[in-house]
Amino acid sequence: MQYPFAVFDRVMIKGNKRTPERFVGRVAVVTAQCLNGWYVVKTLDNAESVKLQYRSLAKLTDRSGGGGEPSAVVSNGAQNAS
């Protein structure tokens, strides 16, 4: 199985039933890829690390090429597969 995120990818935490509510809606960076689609991500606002499933994350794209705020969320196509 191919997973949708790589280490150092910038993601938005969408959340699912296993995601602590305080992380939902925050921007994070993938710091490690674990087994079975789990990722360790570190939030950008206060550097908290949390282990989350790939279904609870959405990849961010940055049109400007530089730092700053993320401009778009790319939907995770893997979650639409049956």
PDB file of N, CA and C in Angstrom:
ATOM      1  N   MET A   1       0.839  -1.179   0.000  1.00  0.00           N
ATOM      2  CA  MET A   1       0.000   0.000   0.000  1.00  0.00           C
ATOM      3  C   MET A   1       0.886   1.245   0.000  1.00  0.00           C
ATOM      4  N   GLN A   2       0.515   2.217  -0.794  1.00  0.00           N
ATOM      5  CA  GLN A   2       1.258   3.465  -0.846  1.00  0.00           C
ATOM      6  C   GLN A   2       0.525   4.512  -0.012  1.00  0.00           C
ATOM      7  N   TYR A   3       1.258   5.164   0.866  1.00  0.00           N
ATOM      8  CA  TYR A   3       0.652   6.148   1.746  1.00  0.00           C
ATOM      9  C   TYR A   3       0.816   7.557   1.179  1.00  0.00           C
ATOM     10  N   PRO A   4      -0.135   8.430   1.442  1.00  0.00           N
ATOM     11  CA  PRO A   4      -0.184   9.728   0.761  1.00  0.00           C
ATOM     12  C   PRO A   4       0.772  10.803   1.269  1.00  0.00           C
ATOM     13  N   PHE A   5       1.462  10.579   2.380  1.00  0.00           N
ATOM     14  CA  PHE A   5       2.310  11.628   2.944  1.00  0.00           C
ATOM     15  C   PHE A   5       3.735  11.134   3.117  1.00  0.00           C
ATOM     16  N   ALA A   6       4.673  12.072   3.038  1.00  0.00           N
ATOM     17  CA  ALA A   6       6.086  11.784   3.270  1.00  0.00           C
ATOM     18  C   ALA A   6       6.557  12.639   4.443  1.00  0.00           C
ATOM     19  N   VAL A   7       7.692  12.257   5.007  1.00  0.00           N
ATOM     20  CA  VAL A   7       8.269  13.042   6.095  1.00  0.00           C
ATOM     21  C   VAL A   7       8.554  14.446   5.565  1.00  0.00           C
ATOM     22  N   PHE A   8       8.263  15.445   6.369  1.00  0.00           N
ATOM     23  CA  PHE A   8       8.410  16.876   6.087  1.00  0.00           C
ATOM     24  C   PHE A   8       7.268  17.464   5.259  1.00  0.00           C
ATOM     25  N   ASP A   9       6.245  16.664   4.915  1.00  0.00           N
ATOM     26  CA  ASP A   9       5.063  17.225   4.255  1.00  0.00           C
ATOM     27  C   ASP A   9       4.300  18.082   5.247  1.00  0.00           C
ATOM     28  N   ARG A  10       3.730  19.172   4.763  1.00  0.00           N
ATOM     29  CA  ARG A  10       2.899  20.053   5.587  1.00  0.00           C
ATOM     30  C   ARG A  10       1.452  19.588   5.433  1.00  0.00           C
ATOM     31  N   VAL A  11       0.761  19.381   6.548  1.00  0.00           N
ATOM     32  CA  VAL A  11      -0.594  18.843   6.532  1.00  0.00           C
ATOM     33  C   VAL A  11      -1.524  19.661   7.419  1.00  0.00           C
ATOM     34  N   MET A  12      -2.820  19.544   7.140  1.00  0.00           N
ATOM     35  CA  MET A  12      -3.877  20.096   7.999  1.00  0.00           C
ATOM     36  C   MET A  12      -4.503  18.914   8.723  1.00  0.00           C
ATOM     37  N   ILE A  13      -4.702  19.038  10.016  1.00  0.00           N
ATOM     38  CA  ILE A  13      -5.310  17.964  10.796  1.00  0.00           C
ATOM     39  C   ILE A  13      -6.833  18.091  10.691  1.00  0.00           C
ATOM     40  N   LYS A  14      -7.457  17.148   9.975  1.00  0.00           N
ATOM     41  CA  LYS A  14      -8.911  17.138   9.801  1.00  0.00           C
ATOM     42  C   LYS A  14      -9.593  16.460  10.984  1.00  0.00           C
ATOM     43  N   GLY A  15      -8.962  15.408  11.469  1.00  0.00           N
ATOM     44  CA  GLY A  15      -9.492  14.695  12.620  1.00  0.00           C
ATOM     45  C   GLY A  15     -10.401  13.540  12.255  1.00  0.00           C
ATOM     46  N   ASN A  16     -10.514  12.616  13.179  1.00  0.00           N
ATOM     47  CA  ASN A  16     -11.468  11.515  13.141  1.00  0.00           C
ATOM     48  C   ASN A  16     -11.788  11.171  14.587  1.00  0.00           C
ATOM     49  N   LYS A  17     -12.435  10.055  14.832  1.00  0.00           N
ATOM     50  CA  LYS A  17     -12.867   9.774  16.203  1.00  0.00           C
ATOM     51  C   LYS A  17     -11.708   9.522  17.174  1.00  0.00           C
ATOM     52  N   ARG A  18     -10.524   9.235  16.648  1.00  0.00           N
ATOM     53  CA  ARG A  18      -9.358   9.003  17.511  1.00  0.00           C
ATOM     54  C   ARG A  18      -8.511  10.256  17.726  1.00  0.00           C
ATOM     55  N   THR A  19      -8.833  11.336  17.045  1.00  0.00           N
ATOM     56  CA  THR A  19      -8.042  12.565  17.125  1.00  0.00           C
ATOM     57  C   THR A  19      -8.502  13.432  18.296  1.00  0.00           C
ATOM     58  N   PRO A  20      -7.593  13.802  19.188  1.00  0.00           N
ATOM     59  CA  PRO A  20      -7.977  14.739  20.251  1.00  0.00           C
ATOM     60  C   PRO A  20      -8.496  16.043  19.643  1.00  0.00           C
ATOM     61  N   GLU A  21      -9.593  16.545  20.167  1.00  0.00           N
ATOM     62  CA  GLU A  21     -10.285  17.706  19.600  1.00  0.00           C
ATOM     63  C   GLU A  21      -9.379  18.936  19.507  1.00  0.00           C
ATOM     64  N   ARG A  22      -8.431  19.090  20.405  1.00  0.00           N
ATOM     65  CA  ARG A  22      -7.592  20.291  20.396  1.00  0.00           C
ATOM     66  C   ARG A  22      -6.648  20.359  19.188  1.00  0.00           C
ATOM     67  N   PHE A  23      -6.465  19.235  18.477  1.00  0.00           N
ATOM     68  CA  PHE A  23      -5.581  19.231  17.307  1.00  0.00           C
ATOM     69  C   PHE A  23      -6.319  19.514  16.003  1.00  0.00           C
ATOM     70  N   VAL A  24      -7.625  19.355  15.969  1.00  0.00           N
ATOM     71  CA  VAL A  24      -8.405  19.498  14.738  1.00  0.00           C
ATOM     72  C   VAL A  24      -8.312  20.930  14.215  1.00  0.00           C
ATOM     73  N   GLY A  25      -8.014  21.064  12.921  1.00  0.00           N
ATOM     74  CA  GLY A  25      -7.931  22.371  12.279  1.00  0.00           C
ATOM     75  C   GLY A  25      -6.557  23.013  12.341  1.00  0.00           C
ATOM     76  N   ARG A  26      -5.585  22.341  12.957  1.00  0.00           N
ATOM     77  CA  ARG A  26      -4.254  22.930  13.070  1.00  0.00           C
ATOM     78  C   ARG A  26      -3.341  22.441  11.953  1.00  0.00           C
ATOM     79  N   VAL A  27      -2.351  23.246  11.621  1.00  0.00           N
ATOM     80  CA  VAL A  27      -1.359  22.904  10.600  1.00  0.00           C
ATOM     81  C   VAL A  27      -0.187  22.212  11.289  1.00  0.00           C
ATOM     82  N   ALA A  28       0.325  21.161  10.638  1.00  0.00           N
ATOM     83  CA  ALA A  28       1.412  20.380  11.226  1.00  0.00           C
ATOM     84  C   ALA A  28       2.370  19.915  10.132  1.00  0.00           C
ATOM     85  N   VAL A  29       3.518  19.390  10.554  1.00  0.00           N
ATOM     86  CA  VAL A  29       4.505  18.813   9.654  1.00  0.00           C
ATOM     87  C   VAL A  29       4.698  17.349  10.041  1.00  0.00           C
ATOM     88  N   VAL A  30       4.729  16.466   9.039  1.00  0.00           N
ATOM     89  CA  VAL A  30       4.948  15.043   9.294  1.00  0.00           C
ATOM     90  C   VAL A  30       6.401  14.855   9.718  1.00  0.00           C
ATOM     91  N   THR A  31       6.606  14.235  10.885  1.00  0.00           N
ATOM     92  CA  THR A  31       7.972  14.000  11.365  1.00  0.00           C
ATOM     93  C   THR A  31       8.398  12.544  11.252  1.00  0.00           C
ATOM     94  N   ALA A  32       7.424  11.613  11.187  1.00  0.00           N
ATOM     95  CA  ALA A  32       7.755  10.197  11.049  1.00  0.00           C
ATOM     96  C   ALA A  32       6.579   9.445  10.447  1.00  0.00           C
ATOM     97  N   GLN A  33       6.896   8.419   9.654  1.00  0.00           N
ATOM     98  CA  GLN A  33       5.869   7.543   9.101  1.00  0.00           C
ATOM     99  C   GLN A  33       5.950   6.227   9.855  1.00  0.00           C
ATOM    100  N   CYS A  34       4.841   5.802  10.415  1.00  0.00           N
ATOM    101  CA  CYS A  34       4.781   4.571  11.198  1.00  0.00           C
ATOM    102  C   CYS A  34       4.052   3.486  10.397  1.00  0.00           C
ATOM    103  N   LEU A  35       3.824   2.343  11.013  1.00  0.00           N
ATOM    104  CA  LEU A  35       3.162   1.227  10.346  1.00  0.00           C
ATOM    105  C   LEU A  35       1.675   1.490  10.146  1.00  0.00           C
ATOM    106  N   ASN A  36       1.118   0.856   9.117  1.00  0.00           N
ATOM    107  CA  ASN A  36      -0.326   0.830   8.859  1.00  0.00           C
ATOM    108  C   ASN A  36      -0.973   2.203   8.723  1.00  0.00           C
ATOM    109  N   GLY A  37      -0.266   3.152   8.123  1.00  0.00           N
ATOM    110  CA  GLY A  37      -0.872   4.441   7.838  1.00  0.00           C
ATOM    111  C   GLY A  37      -0.910   5.423   8.984  1.00  0.00           C
ATOM    112  N   TRP A  38      -0.147   5.184  10.027  1.00  0.00           N
ATOM    113  CA  TRP A  38      -0.058   6.130  11.146  1.00  0.00           C
ATOM    114  C   TRP A  38       1.140   7.039  10.916  1.00  0.00           C
ATOM    115  N   TYR A  39       0.997   8.304  11.314  1.00  0.00           N
ATOM    116  CA  TYR A  39       2.055   9.300  11.167  1.00  0.00           C
ATOM    117  C   TYR A  39       2.238  10.045  12.477  1.00  0.00           C
ATOM    118  N   VAL A  40       3.481  10.426  12.766  1.00  0.00           N
ATOM    119  CA  VAL A  40       3.749  11.346  13.869  1.00  0.00           C
ATOM    120  C   VAL A  40       3.866  12.721  13.238  1.00  0.00           C
ATOM    121  N   VAL A  41       3.046  13.656  13.710  1.00  0.00           N
ATOM    122  CA  VAL A  41       3.080  15.021  13.192  1.00  0.00           C
ATOM    123  C   VAL A  41       3.364  15.989  14.329  1.00  0.00           C
ATOM    124  N   LYS A  42       4.005  17.093  13.991  1.00  0.00           N
ATOM    125  CA  LYS A  42       4.304  18.143  14.965  1.00  0.00           C
ATOM    126  C   LYS A  42       3.576  19.407  14.536  1.00  0.00           C
ATOM    127  N   THR A  43       2.755  19.959  15.426  1.00  0.00           N
ATOM    128  CA  THR A  43       2.008  21.172  15.095  1.00  0.00           C
ATOM    129  C   THR A  43       2.971  22.348  14.965  1.00  0.00           C
ATOM    130  N   LEU A  44       2.634  23.267  14.069  1.00  0.00           N
ATOM    131  CA  LEU A  44       3.513  24.408  13.825  1.00  0.00           C
ATOM    132  C   LEU A  44       3.331  25.516  14.850  1.00  0.00           C
ATOM    133  N   ASP A  45       2.142  25.616  15.441  1.00  0.00           N
ATOM    134  CA  ASP A  45       1.910  26.738  16.357  1.00  0.00           C
ATOM    135  C   ASP A  45       2.566  26.567  17.722  1.00  0.00           C
ATOM    136  N   ASN A  46       2.605  25.328  18.249  1.00  0.00           N
ATOM    137  CA  ASN A  46       3.241  25.161  19.563  1.00  0.00           C
ATOM    138  C   ASN A  46       4.098  23.900  19.671  1.00  0.00           C
ATOM    139  N   ALA A  47       4.429  23.285  18.550  1.00  0.00           N
ATOM    140  CA  ALA A  47       5.370  22.162  18.475  1.00  0.00           C
ATOM    141  C   ALA A  47       4.947  20.939  19.290  1.00  0.00           C
ATOM    142  N   GLU A  48       3.646  20.700  19.422  1.00  0.00           N
ATOM    143  CA  GLU A  48       3.167  19.467  20.060  1.00  0.00           C
ATOM    144  C   GLU A  48       3.234  18.342  19.041  1.00  0.00           C
ATOM    145  N   SER A  49       3.668  17.158  19.472  1.00  0.00           N
ATOM    146  CA  SER A  49       3.694  15.994  18.601  1.00  0.00           C
ATOM    147  C   SER A  49       2.540  15.072  18.943  1.00  0.00           C
ATOM    148  N   VAL A  50       1.957  14.473  17.906  1.00  0.00           N
ATOM    149  CA  VAL A  50       0.846  13.547  18.091  1.00  0.00           C
ATOM    150  C   VAL A  50       0.893  12.509  16.972  1.00  0.00           C
ATOM    151  N   LYS A  51       0.454  11.287  17.278  1.00  0.00           N
ATOM    152  CA  LYS A  51       0.416  10.207  16.307  1.00  0.00           C
ATOM    153  C   LYS A  51      -1.009  10.101  15.773  1.00  0.00           C
ATOM    154  N   LEU A  52      -1.167  10.228  14.435  1.00  0.00           N
ATOM    155  CA  LEU A  52      -2.492  10.252  13.816  1.00  0.00           C
ATOM    156  C   LEU A  52      -2.545   9.341  12.596  1.00  0.00           C
ATOM    157  N   GLN A  53      -3.754   8.879  12.257  1.00  0.00           N
ATOM    158  CA  GLN A  53      -3.963   8.083  11.049  1.00  0.00           C
ATOM    159  C   GLN A  53      -3.965   8.974   9.815  1.00  0.00           C
ATOM    160  N   TYR A  54      -3.575   8.402   8.672  1.00  0.00           N
ATOM    161  CA  TYR A  54      -3.521   9.201   7.439  1.00  0.00           C
ATOM    162  C   TYR A  54      -4.887   9.726   7.044  1.00  0.00           C
ATOM    163  N   ARG A  55      -5.967   9.045   7.418  1.00  0.00           N
ATOM    164  CA  ARG A  55      -7.322   9.511   7.074  1.00  0.00           C
ATOM    165  C   ARG A  55      -7.686  10.811   7.781  1.00  0.00           C
ATOM    166  N   SER A  56      -6.984  11.132   8.850  1.00  0.00           N
ATOM    167  CA  SER A  56      -7.307  12.348   9.602  1.00  0.00           C
ATOM    168  C   SER A  56      -6.450  13.541   9.177  1.00  0.00           C
ATOM    169  N   LEU A  57      -5.667  13.376   8.102  1.00  0.00           N
ATOM    170  CA  LEU A  57      -4.776  14.435   7.639  1.00  0.00           C
ATOM    171  C   LEU A  57      -5.101  14.830   6.204  1.00  0.00           C
ATOM    172  N   ALA A  58      -4.851  16.074   5.853  1.00  0.00           N
ATOM    173  CA  ALA A  58      -4.988  16.562   4.481  1.00  0.00           C
ATOM    174  C   ALA A  58      -3.709  17.309   4.118  1.00  0.00           C
ATOM    175  N   LYS A  59      -3.157  17.019   2.943  1.00  0.00           N
ATOM    176  CA  LYS A  59      -1.922  17.667   2.506  1.00  0.00           C
ATOM    177  C   LYS A  59      -2.198  19.116   2.127  1.00  0.00           C
ATOM    178  N   LEU A  60      -1.294  19.997   2.513  1.00  0.00           N
ATOM    179  CA  LEU A  60      -1.390  21.416   2.162  1.00  0.00           C
ATOM    180  C   LEU A  60      -0.458  21.715   1.000  1.00  0.00           C
ATOM    181  N   THR A  61      -0.897  22.619   0.132  1.00  0.00           N
ATOM    182  CA  THR A  61      -0.017  23.105  -0.932  1.00  0.00           C
ATOM    183  C   THR A  61       0.249  24.579  -0.677  1.00  0.00           C
ATOM    184  N   ASP A  62       1.380  25.052  -1.144  1.00  0.00           N
ATOM    185  CA  ASP A  62       1.768  26.451  -0.944  1.00  0.00           C
ATOM    186  C   ASP A  62       2.091  27.053  -2.299  1.00  0.00           C
ATOM    187  N   ARG A  63       1.179  27.863  -2.834  1.00  0.00           N
ATOM    188  CA  ARG A  63       1.349  28.445  -4.168  1.00  0.00           C
ATOM    189  C   ARG A  63       2.455  29.483  -4.224  1.00  0.00           C
ATOM    190  N   SER A  64       2.725  30.158  -3.122  1.00  0.00           N
ATOM    191  CA  SER A  64       3.704  31.250  -3.144  1.00  0.00           C
ATOM    192  C   SER A  64       5.141  30.747  -3.211  1.00  0.00           C
ATOM    193  N   GLY A  65       5.378  29.497  -2.816  1.00  0.00           N
ATOM    194  CA  GLY A  65       6.720  28.942  -2.861  1.00  0.00           C
ATOM    195  C   GLY A  65       7.560  29.306  -1.655  1.00  0.00           C
ATOM    196  N   GLY A  66       7.168  30.317  -0.905  1.00  0.00           N
ATOM    197  CA  GLY A  66       7.907  30.717   0.280  1.00  0.00           C
ATOM    198  C   GLY A  66       7.146  30.324   1.524  1.00  0.00           C
ATOM    199  N   GLY A  67       7.569  30.815   2.663  1.00  0.00           N
ATOM    200  CA  GLY A  67       6.901  30.516   3.924  1.00  0.00           C
ATOM    201  C   GLY A  67       5.543  31.173   3.969  1.00  0.00           C
ATOM    202  N   GLY A  68       5.055  31.412   5.141  1.00  0.00           N
ATOM    203  CA  GLY A  68       3.765  32.076   5.268  1.00  0.00           C
ATOM    204  C   GLY A  68       2.636  31.093   5.425  1.00  0.00           C
ATOM    205  N   GLU A  69       1.448  31.581   5.203  1.00  0.00           N
ATOM    206  CA  GLU A  69       0.263  30.764   5.399  1.00  0.00           C
ATOM    207  C   GLU A  69       0.047  29.804   4.237  1.00  0.00           C
ATOM    208  N   PRO A  70      -0.416  28.582   4.525  1.00  0.00           N
ATOM    209  CA  PRO A  70      -0.732  27.637   3.461  1.00  0.00           C
ATOM    210  C   PRO A  70      -1.929  28.149   2.666  1.00  0.00           C
ATOM    211  N   SER A  71      -1.931  27.875   1.362  1.00  0.00           N
ATOM    212  CA  SER A  71      -2.960  28.464   0.523  1.00  0.00           C
ATOM    213  C   SER A  71      -4.054  27.498   0.106  1.00  0.00           C
ATOM    214  N   ALA A  72      -3.811  26.215   0.123  1.00  0.00           N
ATOM    215  CA  ALA A  72      -4.837  25.289  -0.337  1.00  0.00           C
ATOM    216  C   ALA A  72      -4.690  23.941   0.348  1.00  0.00           C
ATOM    217  N   VAL A  73      -5.794  23.237   0.466  1.00  0.00           N
ATOM    218  CA  VAL A  73      -5.801  21.890   1.022  1.00  0.00           C
ATOM    219  C   VAL A  73      -6.087  20.934  -0.119  1.00  0.00           C
ATOM    220  N   VAL A  74      -5.256  19.894  -0.253  1.00  0.00           N
ATOM    221  CA  VAL A  74      -5.465  18.872  -1.268  1.00  0.00           C
ATOM    222  C   VAL A  74      -6.197  17.730  -0.613  1.00  0.00           C
ATOM    223  N   SER A  75      -7.293  17.316  -1.197  1.00  0.00           N
ATOM    224  CA  SER A  75      -8.084  16.238  -0.608  1.00  0.00           C
ATOM    225  C   SER A  75      -7.331  14.925  -0.728  1.00  0.00           C
ATOM    226  N   ASN A  76      -7.489  14.066   0.263  1.00  0.00           N
ATOM    227  CA  ASN A  76      -6.805  12.789   0.311  1.00  0.00           C
ATOM    228  C   ASN A  76      -7.596  11.791  -0.506  1.00  0.00           C
ATOM    229  N   GLY A  77      -7.163  11.488  -1.733  1.00  0.00           N
ATOM    230  CA  GLY A  77      -7.877  10.584  -2.630  1.00  0.00           C
ATOM    231  C   GLY A  77      -7.910   9.159  -2.124  1.00  0.00           C
ATOM    232  N   ALA A  78      -6.954   8.761  -1.282  1.00  0.00           N
ATOM    233  CA  ALA A  78      -6.917   7.392  -0.784  1.00  0.00           C
ATOM    234  C   ALA A  78      -8.118   7.071   0.092  1.00  0.00           C
ATOM    235  N   GLN A  79      -8.711   8.046   0.754  1.00  0.00           N
ATOM    236  CA  GLN A  79      -9.823   7.739   1.630  1.00  0.00           C
ATOM    237  C   GLN A  79     -11.109   7.490   0.851  1.00  0.00           C
ATOM    238  N   ASN A  80     -11.164   7.840  -0.447  1.00  0.00           N
ATOM    239  CA  ASN A  80     -12.351   7.604  -1.243  1.00  0.00           C
ATOM    240  C   ASN A  80     -12.399   6.200  -1.825  1.00  0.00           C
ATOM    241  N   ALA A  81     -11.284   5.470  -1.732  1.00  0.00           N
ATOM    242  CA  ALA A  81     -11.247   4.113  -2.273  1.00  0.00           C
ATOM    243  C   ALA A  81     -12.062   3.172  -1.402  1.00  0.00           C
ATOM    244  N   SER A  82     -12.682   2.207  -2.028  1.00  0.00           N
ATOM    245  CA  SER A  82     -13.514   1.245  -1.274  1.00  0.00           C
ATOM    246  C   SER A  82     -12.680   0.137  -0.733  1.00  0.00           C
TER     247      SER A  82
END
